[in-house]
Amino acid sequence: MLLVGLLANAARGQAGDRDSVDDRIQVGLAVAPVPLNLDGKNQALVGLGSYLVNVSGDCNGCHSNGPATEFSPGRNPYFGQPKQINPATYLGGGRDFGALVPNSPNIISRNLTPDKTGLPLGGHTFSDFFQIIQTGVDIDHVHPSCSSSVTTNCLPPPFNGALLQVMPWPIFQSMTIDDLRAVYEY
């Protein structure tokens, strides 16, 4: 019985090495692949957001132009090289997921880099971002549903063009509002 207790405590100690929010904030600040603009921002939220985007969410995995540009030249861990995210393409979008069905438009990941105002490209507010993640709504209407009046660059039934079809919003919608605020702040 004593051995079971010791093993349980040891496993908890190992699993908990990076388990506090403060640890996640520090890791997030350390792994950010681009210089952070902290002007007027809550550093803890930015750090936690970086952790969620770069460590647990792998947002750049989809919001880059694909594996060939995701990592800096000579820094691709899949080739046994030391990992370094390519800051030139980081969250820049452009990954082509192909067509959902024949004769439908290709789904291409969006650019998430901030514009000159500091908002994500397109100027989406936190309220917009929250709505997108919670409901999957495509407020940019990039691929509307096909209809008698919309016949090009549209998604045929059963796909709902009002929703993001590749973005894993059904998974991310379970994030807490605090986590979503941190992602947005980052």
C-alpha atoms as a PDB file:
ATOM      1  CA  MET A   1       0.000   0.000   0.000  1.00  0.00           C
ATOM      2  CA  LEU A   2       2.865   2.356   0.817  1.00  0.00           C
ATOM      3  CA  LEU A   3       4.429   1.639  -2.585  1.00  0.00           C
ATOM      4  CA  VAL A   4       1.157   2.526  -4.369  1.00  0.00           C
ATOM      5  CA  GLY A   5       1.013   5.844  -2.491  1.00  0.00           C
ATOM      6  CA  LEU A   6       4.639   6.673  -3.318  1.00  0.00           C
ATOM      7  CA  LEU A   7       4.134   5.857  -6.993  1.00  0.00           C
ATOM      8  CA  ALA A   8       0.971   7.956  -7.139  1.00  0.00           C
ATOM      9  CA  ASN A   9       2.767  10.926  -5.554  1.00  0.00           C
ATOM     10  CA  ALA A  10       5.734  10.538  -7.912  1.00  0.00           C
ATOM     11  CA  ALA A  11       3.456  10.422 -10.952  1.00  0.00           C
ATOM     12  CA  ARG A  12       1.591  13.496  -9.711  1.00  0.00           C
ATOM     13  CA  GLY A  13       4.863  15.352  -9.191  1.00  0.00           C
ATOM     14  CA  GLN A  14       6.018  14.579 -12.736  1.00  0.00           C
ATOM     15  CA  ALA A  15       2.692  15.428 -14.341  1.00  0.00           C
ATOM     16  CA  GLY A  16       2.446  18.612 -12.301  1.00  0.00           C
ATOM     17  CA  ASP A  17       5.847  20.007 -13.273  1.00  0.00           C
ATOM     18  CA  ARG A  18       4.163  22.373 -15.750  1.00  0.00           C
ATOM     19  CA  ASP A  19       0.649  22.291 -14.407  1.00  0.00           C
ATOM     20  CA  SER A  20       0.109  25.664 -12.794  1.00  0.00           C
ATOM     21  CA  VAL A  21      -1.245  28.635 -14.713  1.00  0.00           C
ATOM     22  CA  ASP A  22       1.902  30.586 -13.794  1.00  0.00           C
ATOM     23  CA  ASP A  23       4.049  27.842 -15.340  1.00  0.00           C
ATOM     24  CA  ARG A  24       1.953  27.930 -18.523  1.00  0.00           C
ATOM     25  CA  ILE A  25       2.298  31.711 -18.703  1.00  0.00           C
ATOM     26  CA  GLN A  26       6.083  31.490 -18.395  1.00  0.00           C
ATOM     27  CA  VAL A  27       6.308  28.694 -20.975  1.00  0.00           C
ATOM     28  CA  GLY A  28       4.042  30.658 -23.309  1.00  0.00           C
ATOM     29  CA  LEU A  29       6.227  33.758 -23.048  1.00  0.00           C
ATOM     30  CA  ALA A  30       9.352  31.668 -23.643  1.00  0.00           C
ATOM     31  CA  VAL A  31       8.088  29.774 -26.712  1.00  0.00           C
ATOM     32  CA  ALA A  32       6.476  32.652 -28.608  1.00  0.00           C
ATOM     33  CA  PRO A  33       8.060  32.374 -32.077  1.00  0.00           C
ATOM     34  CA  VAL A  34       7.722  36.095 -32.829  1.00  0.00           C
ATOM     35  CA  PRO A  35       8.536  39.172 -30.735  1.00  0.00           C
ATOM     36  CA  LEU A  36       5.644  39.977 -28.435  1.00  0.00           C
ATOM     37  CA  ASN A  37       4.046  43.411 -28.394  1.00  0.00           C
ATOM     38  CA  LEU A  38       3.042  43.833 -24.774  1.00  0.00           C
ATOM     39  CA  ASP A  39       2.154  47.539 -25.042  1.00  0.00           C
ATOM     40  CA  GLY A  40      -1.110  48.052 -23.205  1.00  0.00           C
ATOM     41  CA  LYS A  41      -1.635  44.315 -22.810  1.00  0.00           C
ATOM     42  CA  ASN A  42      -1.860  42.064 -19.811  1.00  0.00           C
ATOM     43  CA  GLN A  43       1.421  40.090 -19.862  1.00  0.00           C
ATOM     44  CA  ALA A  44      -0.118  37.124 -18.048  1.00  0.00           C
ATOM     45  CA  LEU A  45      -2.944  36.891 -20.602  1.00  0.00           C
ATOM     46  CA  VAL A  46      -0.473  37.164 -23.486  1.00  0.00           C
ATOM     47  CA  GLY A  47       1.708  34.422 -21.982  1.00  0.00           C
ATOM     48  CA  LEU A  48      -1.229  32.101 -21.367  1.00  0.00           C
ATOM     49  CA  GLY A  49      -2.554  32.846 -24.862  1.00  0.00           C
ATOM     50  CA  SER A  50       0.833  31.996 -26.369  1.00  0.00           C
ATOM     51  CA  TYR A  51       0.833  28.725 -24.421  1.00  0.00           C
ATOM     52  CA  LEU A  52      -2.623  27.829 -25.724  1.00  0.00           C
ATOM     53  CA  VAL A  53      -1.808  28.853 -29.325  1.00  0.00           C
ATOM     54  CA  ASN A  54       1.723  27.451 -29.545  1.00  0.00           C
ATOM     55  CA  VAL A  55       1.906  24.557 -27.095  1.00  0.00           C
ATOM     56  CA  SER A  56      -1.491  22.960 -26.732  1.00  0.00           C
ATOM     57  CA  GLY A  57      -3.447  24.289 -29.724  1.00  0.00           C
ATOM     58  CA  ASP A  58      -0.882  24.116 -32.556  1.00  0.00           C
ATOM     59  CA  CYS A  59      -2.725  26.919 -34.360  1.00  0.00           C
ATOM     60  CA  ASN A  60       0.258  27.469 -36.660  1.00  0.00           C
ATOM     61  CA  GLY A  61      -0.032  23.867 -37.839  1.00  0.00           C
ATOM     62  CA  CYS A  62      -3.100  24.889 -39.841  1.00  0.00           C
ATOM     63  CA  HIS A  63      -2.624  28.642 -40.071  1.00  0.00           C
ATOM     64  CA  SER A  64       0.712  28.407 -41.906  1.00  0.00           C
ATOM     65  CA  ASN A  65       1.192  27.580 -45.554  1.00  0.00           C
ATOM     66  CA  GLY A  66       1.815  23.943 -44.669  1.00  0.00           C
ATOM     67  CA  PRO A  67       4.745  21.810 -43.514  1.00  0.00           C
ATOM     68  CA  ALA A  68       7.185  23.221 -46.052  1.00  0.00           C
ATOM     69  CA  THR A  69       6.958  26.708 -44.507  1.00  0.00           C
ATOM     70  CA  GLU A  70       5.883  26.006 -40.934  1.00  0.00           C
ATOM     71  CA  PHE A  71       9.460  25.641 -39.689  1.00  0.00           C
ATOM     72  CA  SER A  72      12.528  27.743 -40.487  1.00  0.00           C
ATOM     73  CA  PRO A  73      14.948  26.240 -43.046  1.00  0.00           C
ATOM     74  CA  GLY A  74      17.200  23.726 -41.282  1.00  0.00           C
ATOM     75  CA  ARG A  75      14.958  23.784 -38.205  1.00  0.00           C
ATOM     76  CA  ASN A  76      12.295  21.175 -38.991  1.00  0.00           C
ATOM     77  CA  PRO A  77      11.993  18.696 -36.110  1.00  0.00           C
ATOM     78  CA  TYR A  78      10.489  16.089 -38.444  1.00  0.00           C
ATOM     79  CA  PHE A  79      13.900  15.934 -40.148  1.00  0.00           C
ATOM     80  CA  GLY A  80      15.684  15.488 -36.801  1.00  0.00           C
ATOM     81  CA  GLN A  81      16.652  19.167 -36.686  1.00  0.00           C
ATOM     82  CA  PRO A  82      16.264  21.550 -33.736  1.00  0.00           C
ATOM     83  CA  LYS A  83      12.752  23.017 -33.866  1.00  0.00           C
ATOM     84  CA  GLN A  84      12.214  26.641 -34.807  1.00  0.00           C
ATOM     85  CA  ILE A  85       8.900  27.991 -36.054  1.00  0.00           C
ATOM     86  CA  ASN A  86       9.327  30.158 -39.154  1.00  0.00           C
ATOM     87  CA  PRO A  87       8.486  33.695 -37.959  1.00  0.00           C
ATOM     88  CA  ALA A  88       8.060  34.886 -41.571  1.00  0.00           C
ATOM     89  CA  THR A  89       5.076  32.581 -42.139  1.00  0.00           C
ATOM     90  CA  TYR A  90       3.814  32.235 -38.558  1.00  0.00           C
ATOM     91  CA  LEU A  91      -0.019  32.265 -38.471  1.00  0.00           C
ATOM     92  CA  GLY A  92       0.002  33.741 -41.991  1.00  0.00           C
ATOM     93  CA  GLY A  93      -2.558  31.301 -43.353  1.00  0.00           C
ATOM     94  CA  GLY A  94      -2.555  29.902 -46.849  1.00  0.00           C
ATOM     95  CA  ARG A  95      -2.661  26.178 -46.085  1.00  0.00           C
ATOM     96  CA  ASP A  96      -4.783  24.532 -48.774  1.00  0.00           C
ATOM     97  CA  PHE A  97      -6.986  21.779 -47.373  1.00  0.00           C
ATOM     98  CA  GLY A  98      -8.461  21.044 -50.792  1.00  0.00           C
ATOM     99  CA  ALA A  99     -12.083  20.804 -51.783  1.00  0.00           C
ATOM    100  CA  LEU A 100     -14.652  19.251 -49.463  1.00  0.00           C
ATOM    101  CA  VAL A 101     -16.286  17.549 -52.458  1.00  0.00           C
ATOM    102  CA  PRO A 102     -15.541  17.665 -56.201  1.00  0.00           C
ATOM    103  CA  ASN A 103     -16.327  21.002 -57.850  1.00  0.00           C
ATOM    104  CA  SER A 104     -16.418  22.907 -54.558  1.00  0.00           C
ATOM    105  CA  PRO A 105     -13.877  25.592 -53.648  1.00  0.00           C
ATOM    106  CA  ASN A 106     -10.687  24.696 -51.840  1.00  0.00           C
ATOM    107  CA  ILE A 107     -10.694  25.531 -48.145  1.00  0.00           C
ATOM    108  CA  ILE A 108      -7.643  27.657 -47.336  1.00  0.00           C
ATOM    109  CA  SER A 109      -6.625  28.635 -43.815  1.00  0.00           C
ATOM    110  CA  ARG A 110      -6.962  32.297 -42.904  1.00  0.00           C
ATOM    111  CA  ASN A 111      -4.227  34.738 -41.997  1.00  0.00           C
ATOM    112  CA  LEU A 112      -4.316  35.379 -38.227  1.00  0.00           C
ATOM    113  CA  THR A 113      -1.441  37.862 -37.987  1.00  0.00           C
ATOM    114  CA  PRO A 114      -2.347  41.240 -36.481  1.00  0.00           C
ATOM    115  CA  ASP A 115      -2.928  44.259 -38.694  1.00  0.00           C
ATOM    116  CA  LYS A 116      -1.426  47.683 -37.930  1.00  0.00           C
ATOM    117  CA  THR A 117      -4.115  48.291 -35.288  1.00  0.00           C
ATOM    118  CA  GLY A 118      -3.076  45.131 -33.427  1.00  0.00           C
ATOM    119  CA  LEU A 119      -6.301  43.302 -34.277  1.00  0.00           C
ATOM    120  CA  PRO A 120      -6.194  40.072 -36.265  1.00  0.00           C
ATOM    121  CA  LEU A 121      -6.294  40.652 -40.007  1.00  0.00           C
ATOM    122  CA  GLY A 122      -9.824  41.675 -40.832  1.00  0.00           C
ATOM    123  CA  GLY A 123     -10.175  43.653 -37.606  1.00  0.00           C
ATOM    124  CA  HIS A 124     -12.235  41.127 -35.676  1.00  0.00           C
ATOM    125  CA  THR A 125     -13.058  42.158 -32.122  1.00  0.00           C
ATOM    126  CA  PHE A 126     -13.030  39.817 -29.146  1.00  0.00           C
ATOM    127  CA  SER A 127     -16.802  39.589 -29.452  1.00  0.00           C
ATOM    128  CA  ASP A 128     -16.401  38.450 -33.082  1.00  0.00           C
ATOM    129  CA  PHE A 129     -13.670  35.979 -32.118  1.00  0.00           C
ATOM    130  CA  PHE A 130     -15.772  34.580 -29.283  1.00  0.00           C
ATOM    131  CA  GLN A 131     -18.743  34.115 -31.623  1.00  0.00           C
ATOM    132  CA  ILE A 132     -16.561  32.398 -34.249  1.00  0.00           C
ATOM    133  CA  ILE A 133     -15.075  29.931 -31.760  1.00  0.00           C
ATOM    134  CA  GLN A 134     -18.357  29.260 -29.936  1.00  0.00           C
ATOM    135  CA  THR A 135     -20.559  28.771 -33.007  1.00  0.00           C
ATOM    136  CA  GLY A 136     -18.240  28.239 -35.988  1.00  0.00           C
ATOM    137  CA  VAL A 137     -19.953  31.052 -37.872  1.00  0.00           C
ATOM    138  CA  ASP A 138     -17.905  32.412 -40.775  1.00  0.00           C
ATOM    139  CA  ILE A 139     -18.537  36.112 -40.332  1.00  0.00           C
ATOM    140  CA  ASP A 140     -16.432  36.795 -43.444  1.00  0.00           C
ATOM    141  CA  HIS A 141     -18.757  34.635 -45.605  1.00  0.00           C
ATOM    142  CA  VAL A 142     -15.836  33.301 -47.664  1.00  0.00           C
ATOM    143  CA  HIS A 143     -17.719  30.208 -48.900  1.00  0.00           C
ATOM    144  CA  PRO A 144     -21.486  30.729 -48.790  1.00  0.00           C
ATOM    145  CA  SER A 145     -23.921  27.880 -49.286  1.00  0.00           C
ATOM    146  CA  CYS A 146     -24.787  27.224 -52.911  1.00  0.00           C
ATOM    147  CA  SER A 147     -28.228  28.388 -53.977  1.00  0.00           C
ATOM    148  CA  SER A 148     -30.071  29.377 -57.131  1.00  0.00           C
ATOM    149  CA  SER A 149     -28.462  32.831 -56.886  1.00  0.00           C
ATOM    150  CA  VAL A 150     -25.008  31.727 -55.584  1.00  0.00           C
ATOM    151  CA  THR A 151     -23.350  29.186 -57.859  1.00  0.00           C
ATOM    152  CA  THR A 152     -19.607  29.934 -57.657  1.00  0.00           C
ATOM    153  CA  ASN A 153     -17.158  29.670 -54.742  1.00  0.00           C
ATOM    154  CA  CYS A 154     -19.963  28.113 -52.705  1.00  0.00           C
ATOM    155  CA  LEU A 155     -20.419  24.944 -50.680  1.00  0.00           C
ATOM    156  CA  PRO A 156     -23.089  22.483 -51.820  1.00  0.00           C
ATOM    157  CA  PRO A 157     -25.438  20.681 -49.421  1.00  0.00           C
ATOM    158  CA  PRO A 158     -25.072  19.113 -46.948  1.00  0.00           C
ATOM    159  CA  PHE A 159     -22.295  21.603 -46.097  1.00  0.00           C
ATOM    160  CA  ASN A 160     -23.395  24.811 -44.428  1.00  0.00           C
ATOM    161  CA  GLY A 161     -21.408  27.670 -45.942  1.00  0.00           C
ATOM    162  CA  ALA A 162     -22.260  29.878 -42.994  1.00  0.00           C
ATOM    163  CA  LEU A 163     -19.967  27.702 -40.834  1.00  0.00           C
ATOM    164  CA  LEU A 164     -16.213  27.152 -40.905  1.00  0.00           C
ATOM    165  CA  GLN A 165     -15.788  23.669 -42.339  1.00  0.00           C
ATOM    166  CA  VAL A 166     -12.186  22.824 -41.395  1.00  0.00           C
ATOM    167  CA  MET A 167     -11.566  24.971 -38.316  1.00  0.00           C
ATOM    168  CA  PRO A 168     -11.955  22.718 -35.242  1.00  0.00           C
ATOM    169  CA  TRP A 169     -14.372  25.109 -33.538  1.00  0.00           C
ATOM    170  CA  PRO A 170     -16.483  22.196 -32.183  1.00  0.00           C
ATOM    171  CA  ILE A 171     -13.431  21.274 -30.064  1.00  0.00           C
ATOM    172  CA  PHE A 172     -12.308  24.802 -29.176  1.00  0.00           C
ATOM    173  CA  GLN A 173     -15.837  25.922 -28.230  1.00  0.00           C
ATOM    174  CA  SER A 174     -15.358  24.071 -24.938  1.00  0.00           C
ATOM    175  CA  MET A 175     -12.535  26.423 -23.905  1.00  0.00           C
ATOM    176  CA  THR A 176     -13.274  28.739 -21.001  1.00  0.00           C
ATOM    177  CA  ILE A 177     -13.972  32.396 -21.698  1.00  0.00           C
ATOM    178  CA  ASP A 178     -10.750  33.208 -19.798  1.00  0.00           C
ATOM    179  CA  ASP A 179      -8.747  30.927 -22.104  1.00  0.00           C
ATOM    180  CA  LEU A 180     -10.388  32.446 -25.178  1.00  0.00           C
ATOM    181  CA  ARG A 181      -9.640  35.941 -23.842  1.00  0.00           C
ATOM    182  CA  ALA A 182      -5.983  34.890 -23.412  1.00  0.00           C
ATOM    183  CA  VAL A 183      -5.795  33.520 -26.975  1.00  0.00           C
ATOM    184  CA  TYR A 184      -7.275  36.727 -28.314  1.00  0.00           C
ATOM    185  CA  GLU A 185      -4.955  38.905 -26.193  1.00  0.00           C
ATOM    186  CA  TYR A 186      -1.968  36.981 -27.543  1.00  0.00           C
END
